[in-house]
Amino acid sequence: SHGRQMPAHWGNVNLNIVTKSSCT
């Protein structure tokens, strides 16, 4: 998140890990 989200909010564009929000 480049410093924009809390830890454990996963995302990695190179690994196809889609950015995740805090919403359940």
mmCIF file of all heavy atoms, coordinates in Angstrom:
data_MODEL
# 
_entry.id   MODEL 
# 
loop_
_atom_site.group_PDB 
_atom_site.id 
_atom_site.type_symbol 
_atom_site.label_atom_id 
_atom_site.label_alt_id 
_atom_site.label_comp_id 
_atom_site.label_asym_id 
_atom_site.label_entity_id 
_atom_site.label_seq_id 
_atom_site.pdbx_PDB_ins_code 
_atom_site.Cartn_x 
_atom_site.Cartn_y 
_atom_site.Cartn_z 
_atom_site.occupancy 
_atom_site.B_iso_or_equiv 
_atom_site.pdbx_formal_charge 
_atom_site.auth_seq_id 
_atom_site.auth_comp_id 
_atom_site.auth_asym_id 
_atom_site.auth_atom_id 
_atom_site.pdbx_PDB_model_num 
ATOM 1   N N   . SER A 1 1  ? 0.796   -1.228  0.000   1.00 0.00 ? 1  SER A N   1 
ATOM 2   C CA  . SER A 1 1  ? 0.000   0.000   0.000   1.00 0.00 ? 1  SER A CA  1 
ATOM 3   C C   . SER A 1 1  ? 0.830   1.280   0.000   1.00 0.00 ? 1  SER A C   1 
ATOM 4   O O   . SER A 1 1  ? 0.285   2.374   0.021   1.00 0.00 ? 1  SER A O   1 
ATOM 5   C CB  . SER A 1 1  ? -0.929  0.023   1.218   1.00 0.00 ? 1  SER A CB  1 
ATOM 6   O OG  . SER A 1 1  ? -0.191  0.250   2.414   1.00 0.00 ? 1  SER A OG  1 
ATOM 7   N N   . HIS A 1 2  ? 2.156   1.125   0.008   1.00 0.00 ? 2  HIS A N   1 
ATOM 8   C CA  . HIS A 1 2  ? 3.049   2.289   -0.059  1.00 0.00 ? 2  HIS A CA  1 
ATOM 9   C C   . HIS A 1 2  ? 2.803   3.257   1.097   1.00 0.00 ? 2  HIS A C   1 
ATOM 10  O O   . HIS A 1 2  ? 2.750   4.473   0.917   1.00 0.00 ? 2  HIS A O   1 
ATOM 11  C CB  . HIS A 1 2  ? 2.915   2.983   -1.418  1.00 0.00 ? 2  HIS A CB  1 
ATOM 12  C CG  . HIS A 1 2  ? 3.130   2.056   -2.572  1.00 0.00 ? 2  HIS A CG  1 
ATOM 13  N ND1 . HIS A 1 2  ? 4.382   1.748   -3.074  1.00 0.00 ? 2  HIS A ND1 1 
ATOM 14  C CD2 . HIS A 1 2  ? 2.252   1.300   -3.296  1.00 0.00 ? 2  HIS A CD2 1 
ATOM 15  C CE1 . HIS A 1 2  ? 4.267   0.878   -4.066  1.00 0.00 ? 2  HIS A CE1 1 
ATOM 16  N NE2 . HIS A 1 2  ? 2.983   0.583   -4.213  1.00 0.00 ? 2  HIS A NE2 1 
ATOM 17  N N   . GLY A 1 3  ? 2.612   2.672   2.283   1.00 0.00 ? 3  GLY A N   1 
ATOM 18  C CA  . GLY A 1 3  ? 2.445   3.464   3.484   1.00 0.00 ? 3  GLY A CA  1 
ATOM 19  C C   . GLY A 1 3  ? 1.045   3.971   3.734   1.00 0.00 ? 3  GLY A C   1 
ATOM 20  O O   . GLY A 1 3  ? 0.838   4.815   4.609   1.00 0.00 ? 3  GLY A O   1 
ATOM 21  N N   . ARG A 1 4  ? 0.060   3.433   3.009   1.00 0.00 ? 4  ARG A N   1 
ATOM 22  C CA  . ARG A 1 4  ? -1.296  3.975   3.098   1.00 0.00 ? 4  ARG A CA  1 
ATOM 23  C C   . ARG A 1 4  ? -2.250  3.122   3.920   1.00 0.00 ? 4  ARG A C   1 
ATOM 24  O O   . ARG A 1 4  ? -3.307  3.587   4.318   1.00 0.00 ? 4  ARG A O   1 
ATOM 25  C CB  . ARG A 1 4  ? -1.852  4.156   1.682   1.00 0.00 ? 4  ARG A CB  1 
ATOM 26  C CG  . ARG A 1 4  ? -1.091  5.240   0.942   1.00 0.00 ? 4  ARG A CG  1 
ATOM 27  C CD  . ARG A 1 4  ? -1.416  5.311   -0.544  1.00 0.00 ? 4  ARG A CD  1 
ATOM 28  N NE  . ARG A 1 4  ? -0.654  6.413   -1.122  1.00 0.00 ? 4  ARG A NE  1 
ATOM 29  C CZ  . ARG A 1 4  ? -1.147  7.347   -1.927  1.00 0.00 ? 4  ARG A CZ  1 
ATOM 30  N NH1 . ARG A 1 4  ? -2.412  7.307   -2.268  1.00 0.00 ? 4  ARG A NH1 1 
ATOM 31  N NH2 . ARG A 1 4  ? -0.385  8.304   -2.390  1.00 0.00 ? 4  ARG A NH2 1 
ATOM 32  N N   . GLN A 1 5  ? -1.910  1.866   4.137   1.00 0.00 ? 5  GLN A N   1 
ATOM 33  C CA  . GLN A 1 5  ? -2.807  0.991   4.890   1.00 0.00 ? 5  GLN A CA  1 
ATOM 34  C C   . GLN A 1 5  ? -2.101  0.372   6.084   1.00 0.00 ? 5  GLN A C   1 
ATOM 35  O O   . GLN A 1 5  ? -0.874  0.295   6.147   1.00 0.00 ? 5  GLN A O   1 
ATOM 36  C CB  . GLN A 1 5  ? -3.350  -0.122  3.988   1.00 0.00 ? 5  GLN A CB  1 
ATOM 37  C CG  . GLN A 1 5  ? -4.343  0.346   2.943   1.00 0.00 ? 5  GLN A CG  1 
ATOM 38  C CD  . GLN A 1 5  ? -5.430  -0.680  2.711   1.00 0.00 ? 5  GLN A CD  1 
ATOM 39  O OE1 . GLN A 1 5  ? -6.450  -0.689  3.380   1.00 0.00 ? 5  GLN A OE1 1 
ATOM 40  N NE2 . GLN A 1 5  ? -5.208  -1.557  1.750   1.00 0.00 ? 5  GLN A NE2 1 
ATOM 41  N N   . MET A 1 6  ? -2.926  -0.106  7.032   1.00 0.00 ? 6  MET A N   1 
ATOM 42  C CA  . MET A 1 6  ? -2.410  -0.801  8.211   1.00 0.00 ? 6  MET A CA  1 
ATOM 43  C C   . MET A 1 6  ? -1.667  -2.069  7.782   1.00 0.00 ? 6  MET A C   1 
ATOM 44  O O   . MET A 1 6  ? -1.883  -2.584  6.684   1.00 0.00 ? 6  MET A O   1 
ATOM 45  C CB  . MET A 1 6  ? -3.580  -1.198  9.120   1.00 0.00 ? 6  MET A CB  1 
ATOM 46  C CG  . MET A 1 6  ? -4.449  -0.060  9.575   1.00 0.00 ? 6  MET A CG  1 
ATOM 47  S SD  . MET A 1 6  ? -6.028  -0.694  10.187  1.00 0.00 ? 6  MET A SD  1 
ATOM 48  C CE  . MET A 1 6  ? -5.826  -0.434  11.926  1.00 0.00 ? 6  MET A CE  1 
ATOM 49  N N   . PRO A 1 7  ? -0.818  -2.598  8.669   1.00 0.00 ? 7  PRO A N   1 
ATOM 50  C CA  . PRO A 1 7  ? -0.209  -3.896  8.365   1.00 0.00 ? 7  PRO A CA  1 
ATOM 51  C C   . PRO A 1 7  ? -1.276  -4.978  8.211   1.00 0.00 ? 7  PRO A C   1 
ATOM 52  O O   . PRO A 1 7  ? -2.394  -4.833  8.694   1.00 0.00 ? 7  PRO A O   1 
ATOM 53  C CB  . PRO A 1 7  ? 0.698   -4.155  9.571   1.00 0.00 ? 7  PRO A CB  1 
ATOM 54  C CG  . PRO A 1 7  ? 0.247   -3.219  10.634  1.00 0.00 ? 7  PRO A CG  1 
ATOM 55  C CD  . PRO A 1 7  ? -0.357  -2.042  9.943   1.00 0.00 ? 7  PRO A CD  1 
ATOM 56  N N   . ALA A 1 8  ? -0.894  -6.045  7.527   1.00 0.00 ? 8  ALA A N   1 
ATOM 57  C CA  . ALA A 1 8  ? -1.776  -7.192  7.262   1.00 0.00 ? 8  ALA A CA  1 
ATOM 58  C C   . ALA A 1 8  ? -2.886  -6.857  6.276   1.00 0.00 ? 8  ALA A C   1 
ATOM 59  O O   . ALA A 1 8  ? -3.880  -7.576  6.200   1.00 0.00 ? 8  ALA A O   1 
ATOM 60  C CB  . ALA A 1 8  ? -2.353  -7.776  8.556   1.00 0.00 ? 8  ALA A CB  1 
ATOM 61  N N   . HIS A 1 9  ? -2.726  -5.784  5.536   1.00 0.00 ? 9  HIS A N   1 
ATOM 62  C CA  . HIS A 1 9  ? -3.634  -5.462  4.429   1.00 0.00 ? 9  HIS A CA  1 
ATOM 63  C C   . HIS A 1 9  ? -2.857  -5.772  3.144   1.00 0.00 ? 9  HIS A C   1 
ATOM 64  O O   . HIS A 1 9  ? -2.151  -4.924  2.604   1.00 0.00 ? 9  HIS A O   1 
ATOM 65  C CB  . HIS A 1 9  ? -4.065  -3.998  4.480   1.00 0.00 ? 9  HIS A CB  1 
ATOM 66  C CG  . HIS A 1 9  ? -5.031  -3.711  5.589   1.00 0.00 ? 9  HIS A CG  1 
ATOM 67  N ND1 . HIS A 1 9  ? -4.740  -3.973  6.909   1.00 0.00 ? 9  HIS A ND1 1 
ATOM 68  C CD2 . HIS A 1 9  ? -6.286  -3.194  5.575   1.00 0.00 ? 9  HIS A CD2 1 
ATOM 69  C CE1 . HIS A 1 9  ? -5.775  -3.635  7.667   1.00 0.00 ? 9  HIS A CE1 1 
ATOM 70  N NE2 . HIS A 1 9  ? -6.721  -3.170  6.886   1.00 0.00 ? 9  HIS A NE2 1 
ATOM 71  N N   . TRP A 1 10 ? -3.019  -7.010  2.702   1.00 0.00 ? 10 TRP A N   1 
ATOM 72  C CA  . TRP A 1 10 ? -2.112  -7.551  1.695   1.00 0.00 ? 10 TRP A CA  1 
ATOM 73  C C   . TRP A 1 10 ? -2.381  -6.995  0.304   1.00 0.00 ? 10 TRP A C   1 
ATOM 74  O O   . TRP A 1 10 ? -3.477  -6.546  -0.013  1.00 0.00 ? 10 TRP A O   1 
ATOM 75  C CB  . TRP A 1 10 ? -2.210  -9.077  1.680   1.00 0.00 ? 10 TRP A CB  1 
ATOM 76  C CG  . TRP A 1 10 ? -2.220  -9.674  3.047   1.00 0.00 ? 10 TRP A CG  1 
ATOM 77  C CD1 . TRP A 1 10 ? -3.223  -10.402 3.620   1.00 0.00 ? 10 TRP A CD1 1 
ATOM 78  C CD2 . TRP A 1 10 ? -1.183  -9.587  4.044   1.00 0.00 ? 10 TRP A CD2 1 
ATOM 79  N NE1 . TRP A 1 10 ? -2.884  -10.774 4.905   1.00 0.00 ? 10 TRP A NE1 1 
ATOM 80  C CE2 . TRP A 1 10 ? -1.639  -10.279 5.192   1.00 0.00 ? 10 TRP A CE2 1 
ATOM 81  C CE3 . TRP A 1 10 ? 0.071   -8.970  4.069   1.00 0.00 ? 10 TRP A CE3 1 
ATOM 82  C CZ2 . TRP A 1 10 ? -0.885  -10.398 6.349   1.00 0.00 ? 10 TRP A CZ2 1 
ATOM 83  C CZ3 . TRP A 1 10 ? 0.832   -9.079  5.232   1.00 0.00 ? 10 TRP A CZ3 1 
ATOM 84  C CH2 . TRP A 1 10 ? 0.357   -9.782  6.351   1.00 0.00 ? 10 TRP A CH2 1 
ATOM 85  N N   . GLY A 1 11 ? -1.368  -7.083  -0.524  1.00 0.00 ? 11 GLY A N   1 
ATOM 86  C CA  . GLY A 1 11 ? -1.469  -6.676  -1.915  1.00 0.00 ? 11 GLY A CA  1 
ATOM 87  C C   . GLY A 1 11 ? -0.094  -6.746  -2.547  1.00 0.00 ? 11 GLY A C   1 
ATOM 88  O O   . GLY A 1 11 ? 0.910   -6.361  -1.930  1.00 0.00 ? 11 GLY A O   1 
ATOM 89  N N   . ASN A 1 12 ? -0.006  -7.256  -3.751  1.00 0.00 ? 12 ASN A N   1 
ATOM 90  C CA  . ASN A 1 12 ? 1.260   -7.271  -4.493  1.00 0.00 ? 12 ASN A CA  1 
ATOM 91  C C   . ASN A 1 12 ? 0.922   -7.447  -5.966  1.00 0.00 ? 12 ASN A C   1 
ATOM 92  O O   . ASN A 1 12 ? 0.508   -8.528  -6.388  1.00 0.00 ? 12 ASN A O   1 
ATOM 93  C CB  . ASN A 1 12 ? 2.175   -8.390  -4.000  1.00 0.00 ? 12 ASN A CB  1 
ATOM 94  C CG  . ASN A 1 12 ? 3.574   -8.276  -4.582  1.00 0.00 ? 12 ASN A CG  1 
ATOM 95  O OD1 . ASN A 1 12 ? 3.756   -8.355  -5.785  1.00 0.00 ? 12 ASN A OD1 1 
ATOM 96  N ND2 . ASN A 1 12 ? 4.557   -8.084  -3.702  1.00 0.00 ? 12 ASN A ND2 1 
ATOM 97  N N   . VAL A 1 13 ? 1.071   -6.390  -6.710  1.00 0.00 ? 13 VAL A N   1 
ATOM 98  C CA  . VAL A 1 13 ? 0.636   -6.402  -8.107  1.00 0.00 ? 13 VAL A CA  1 
ATOM 99  C C   . VAL A 1 13 ? 1.427   -7.412  -8.936  1.00 0.00 ? 13 VAL A C   1 
ATOM 100 O O   . VAL A 1 13 ? 0.910   -7.968  -9.909  1.00 0.00 ? 13 VAL A O   1 
ATOM 101 C CB  . VAL A 1 13 ? 0.731   -4.977  -8.703  1.00 0.00 ? 13 VAL A CB  1 
ATOM 102 C CG1 . VAL A 1 13 ? 2.173   -4.532  -8.860  1.00 0.00 ? 13 VAL A CG1 1 
ATOM 103 C CG2 . VAL A 1 13 ? -0.028  -4.887  -10.028 1.00 0.00 ? 13 VAL A CG2 1 
ATOM 104 N N   . ASN A 1 14 ? 2.673   -7.684  -8.555  1.00 0.00 ? 14 ASN A N   1 
ATOM 105 C CA  . ASN A 1 14 ? 3.502   -8.615  -9.320  1.00 0.00 ? 14 ASN A CA  1 
ATOM 106 C C   . ASN A 1 14 ? 3.175   -10.074 -9.039  1.00 0.00 ? 14 ASN A C   1 
ATOM 107 O O   . ASN A 1 14 ? 3.549   -10.954 -9.808  1.00 0.00 ? 14 ASN A O   1 
ATOM 108 C CB  . ASN A 1 14 ? 4.985   -8.353  -9.020  1.00 0.00 ? 14 ASN A CB  1 
ATOM 109 C CG  . ASN A 1 14 ? 5.421   -6.978  -9.480  1.00 0.00 ? 14 ASN A CG  1 
ATOM 110 O OD1 . ASN A 1 14 ? 5.065   -6.534  -10.570 1.00 0.00 ? 14 ASN A OD1 1 
ATOM 111 N ND2 . ASN A 1 14 ? 6.199   -6.285  -8.659  1.00 0.00 ? 14 ASN A ND2 1 
ATOM 112 N N   . LEU A 1 15 ? 2.491   -10.337 -7.917  1.00 0.00 ? 15 LEU A N   1 
ATOM 113 C CA  . LEU A 1 15 ? 2.145   -11.711 -7.554  1.00 0.00 ? 15 LEU A CA  1 
ATOM 114 C C   . LEU A 1 15 ? 0.655   -11.998 -7.711  1.00 0.00 ? 15 LEU A C   1 
ATOM 115 O O   . LEU A 1 15 ? 0.184   -13.067 -7.332  1.00 0.00 ? 15 LEU A O   1 
ATOM 116 C CB  . LEU A 1 15 ? 2.565   -11.975 -6.103  1.00 0.00 ? 15 LEU A CB  1 
ATOM 117 C CG  . LEU A 1 15 ? 4.065   -11.865 -5.790  1.00 0.00 ? 15 LEU A CG  1 
ATOM 118 C CD1 . LEU A 1 15 ? 4.304   -11.961 -4.288  1.00 0.00 ? 15 LEU A CD1 1 
ATOM 119 C CD2 . LEU A 1 15 ? 4.853   -12.938 -6.526  1.00 0.00 ? 15 LEU A CD2 1 
ATOM 120 N N   . ASN A 1 16 ? -0.099  -11.044 -8.256  1.00 0.00 ? 16 ASN A N   1 
ATOM 121 C CA  . ASN A 1 16 ? -1.564  -11.158 -8.402  1.00 0.00 ? 16 ASN A CA  1 
ATOM 122 C C   . ASN A 1 16 ? -2.268  -11.233 -7.046  1.00 0.00 ? 16 ASN A C   1 
ATOM 123 O O   . ASN A 1 16 ? -3.329  -11.853 -6.915  1.00 0.00 ? 16 ASN A O   1 
ATOM 124 C CB  . ASN A 1 16 ? -1.961  -12.370 -9.245  1.00 0.00 ? 16 ASN A CB  1 
ATOM 125 C CG  . ASN A 1 16 ? -1.595  -12.209 -10.709 1.00 0.00 ? 16 ASN A CG  1 
ATOM 126 O OD1 . ASN A 1 16 ? -1.143  -11.149 -11.123 1.00 0.00 ? 16 ASN A OD1 1 
ATOM 127 N ND2 . ASN A 1 16 ? -1.778  -13.259 -11.491 1.00 0.00 ? 16 ASN A ND2 1 
ATOM 128 N N   . ILE A 1 17 ? -1.675  -10.596 -6.029  1.00 0.00 ? 17 ILE A N   1 
ATOM 129 C CA  . ILE A 1 17 ? -2.351  -10.462 -4.741  1.00 0.00 ? 17 ILE A CA  1 
ATOM 130 C C   . ILE A 1 17 ? -3.073  -9.120  -4.770  1.00 0.00 ? 17 ILE A C   1 
ATOM 131 O O   . ILE A 1 17 ? -2.441  -8.059  -4.732  1.00 0.00 ? 17 ILE A O   1 
ATOM 132 C CB  . ILE A 1 17 ? -1.365  -10.519 -3.563  1.00 0.00 ? 17 ILE A CB  1 
ATOM 133 C CG1 . ILE A 1 17 ? -0.571  -11.829 -3.584  1.00 0.00 ? 17 ILE A CG1 1 
ATOM 134 C CG2 . ILE A 1 17 ? -2.122  -10.380 -2.239  1.00 0.00 ? 17 ILE A CG2 1 
ATOM 135 C CD1 . ILE A 1 17 ? 0.537   -11.901 -2.541  1.00 0.00 ? 17 ILE A CD1 1 
ATOM 136 N N   . VAL A 1 18 ? -4.394  -9.162  -4.869  1.00 0.00 ? 18 VAL A N   1 
ATOM 137 C CA  . VAL A 1 18 ? -5.197  -7.962  -5.066  1.00 0.00 ? 18 VAL A CA  1 
ATOM 138 C C   . VAL A 1 18 ? -5.253  -7.146  -3.773  1.00 0.00 ? 18 VAL A C   1 
ATOM 139 O O   . VAL A 1 18 ? -5.398  -7.701  -2.682  1.00 0.00 ? 18 VAL A O   1 
ATOM 140 C CB  . VAL A 1 18 ? -6.630  -8.342  -5.516  1.00 0.00 ? 18 VAL A CB  1 
ATOM 141 C CG1 . VAL A 1 18 ? -7.516  -7.108  -5.590  1.00 0.00 ? 18 VAL A CG1 1 
ATOM 142 C CG2 . VAL A 1 18 ? -6.570  -9.052  -6.868  1.00 0.00 ? 18 VAL A CG2 1 
ATOM 143 N N   . THR A 1 19 ? -5.138  -5.842  -3.891  1.00 0.00 ? 19 THR A N   1 
ATOM 144 C CA  . THR A 1 19 ? -5.199  -4.955  -2.734  1.00 0.00 ? 19 THR A CA  1 
ATOM 145 C C   . THR A 1 19 ? -6.465  -5.201  -1.925  1.00 0.00 ? 19 THR A C   1 
ATOM 146 O O   . THR A 1 19 ? -7.560  -5.275  -2.461  1.00 0.00 ? 19 THR A O   1 
ATOM 147 C CB  . THR A 1 19 ? -5.133  -3.481  -3.173  1.00 0.00 ? 19 THR A CB  1 
ATOM 148 O OG1 . THR A 1 19 ? -5.334  -2.629  -2.025  1.00 0.00 ? 19 THR A OG1 1 
ATOM 149 C CG2 . THR A 1 19 ? -6.196  -3.142  -4.205  1.00 0.00 ? 19 THR A CG2 1 
ATOM 150 N N   . LYS A 1 20 ? -6.299  -5.328  -0.612  1.00 0.00 ? 20 LYS A N   1 
ATOM 151 C CA  . LYS A 1 20 ? -7.426  -5.643  0.282   1.00 0.00 ? 20 LYS A CA  1 
ATOM 152 C C   . LYS A 1 20 ? -7.651  -4.507  1.265   1.00 0.00 ? 20 LYS A C   1 
ATOM 153 O O   . LYS A 1 20 ? -6.715  -3.974  1.837   1.00 0.00 ? 20 LYS A O   1 
ATOM 154 C CB  . LYS A 1 20 ? -7.143  -6.949  1.035   1.00 0.00 ? 20 LYS A CB  1 
ATOM 155 C CG  . LYS A 1 20 ? -8.236  -7.368  2.002   1.00 0.00 ? 20 LYS A CG  1 
ATOM 156 C CD  . LYS A 1 20 ? -9.503  -7.817  1.279   1.00 0.00 ? 20 LYS A CD  1 
ATOM 157 C CE  . LYS A 1 20 ? -10.585 -8.231  2.278   1.00 0.00 ? 20 LYS A CE  1 
ATOM 158 N NZ  . LYS A 1 20 ? -11.241 -7.076  2.932   1.00 0.00 ? 20 LYS A NZ  1 
ATOM 159 N N   . SER A 1 21 ? -8.913  -4.166  1.457   1.00 0.00 ? 21 SER A N   1 
ATOM 160 C CA  . SER A 1 21 ? -9.287  -3.135  2.424   1.00 0.00 ? 21 SER A CA  1 
ATOM 161 C C   . SER A 1 21 ? -9.496  -3.765  3.793   1.00 0.00 ? 21 SER A C   1 
ATOM 162 O O   . SER A 1 21 ? -9.345  -4.972  3.981   1.00 0.00 ? 21 SER A O   1 
ATOM 163 C CB  . SER A 1 21 ? -10.577 -2.441  1.984   1.00 0.00 ? 21 SER A CB  1 
ATOM 164 O OG  . SER A 1 21 ? -11.692 -3.296  2.196   1.00 0.00 ? 21 SER A OG  1 
ATOM 165 N N   . SER A 1 22 ? -9.894  -2.938  4.763   1.00 0.00 ? 22 SER A N   1 
ATOM 166 C CA  . SER A 1 22 ? -10.209 -3.445  6.103   1.00 0.00 ? 22 SER A CA  1 
ATOM 167 C C   . SER A 1 22 ? -11.602 -4.059  6.193   1.00 0.00 ? 22 SER A C   1 
ATOM 168 O O   . SER A 1 22 ? -11.928 -4.710  7.183   1.00 0.00 ? 22 SER A O   1 
ATOM 169 C CB  . SER A 1 22 ? -10.126 -2.303  7.130   1.00 0.00 ? 22 SER A CB  1 
ATOM 170 O OG  . SER A 1 22 ? -8.816  -1.826  7.261   1.00 0.00 ? 22 SER A OG  1 
ATOM 171 N N   . CYS A 1 23 ? -12.425 -3.833  5.194   1.00 0.00 ? 23 CYS A N   1 
ATOM 172 C CA  . CYS A 1 23 ? -13.827 -4.260  5.253   1.00 0.00 ? 23 CYS A CA  1 
ATOM 173 C C   . CYS A 1 23 ? -13.933 -5.785  5.278   1.00 0.00 ? 23 CYS A C   1 
ATOM 174 O O   . CYS A 1 23 ? -13.283 -6.473  4.493   1.00 0.00 ? 23 CYS A O   1 
ATOM 175 C CB  . CYS A 1 23 ? -14.596 -3.714  4.051   1.00 0.00 ? 23 CYS A CB  1 
ATOM 176 S SG  . CYS A 1 23 ? -14.448 -1.931  3.862   1.00 0.00 ? 23 CYS A SG  1 
ATOM 177 N N   . THR A 1 24 ? -14.777 -6.298  6.153   1.00 0.00 ? 24 THR A N   1 
ATOM 178 C CA  . THR A 1 24 ? -14.976 -7.746  6.215   1.00 0.00 ? 24 THR A CA  1 
ATOM 179 C C   . THR A 1 24 ? -16.132 -8.131  5.302   1.00 0.00 ? 24 THR A C   1 
ATOM 180 O O   . THR A 1 24 ? -17.255 -7.683  5.489   1.00 0.00 ? 24 THR A O   1 
ATOM 181 C CB  . THR A 1 24 ? -15.281 -8.204  7.652   1.00 0.00 ? 24 THR A CB  1 
ATOM 182 O OG1 . THR A 1 24 ? -16.406 -7.473  8.138   1.00 0.00 ? 24 THR A OG1 1 
ATOM 183 C CG2 . THR A 1 24 ? -14.117 -7.970  8.562   1.00 0.00 ? 24 THR A CG2 1 
# 
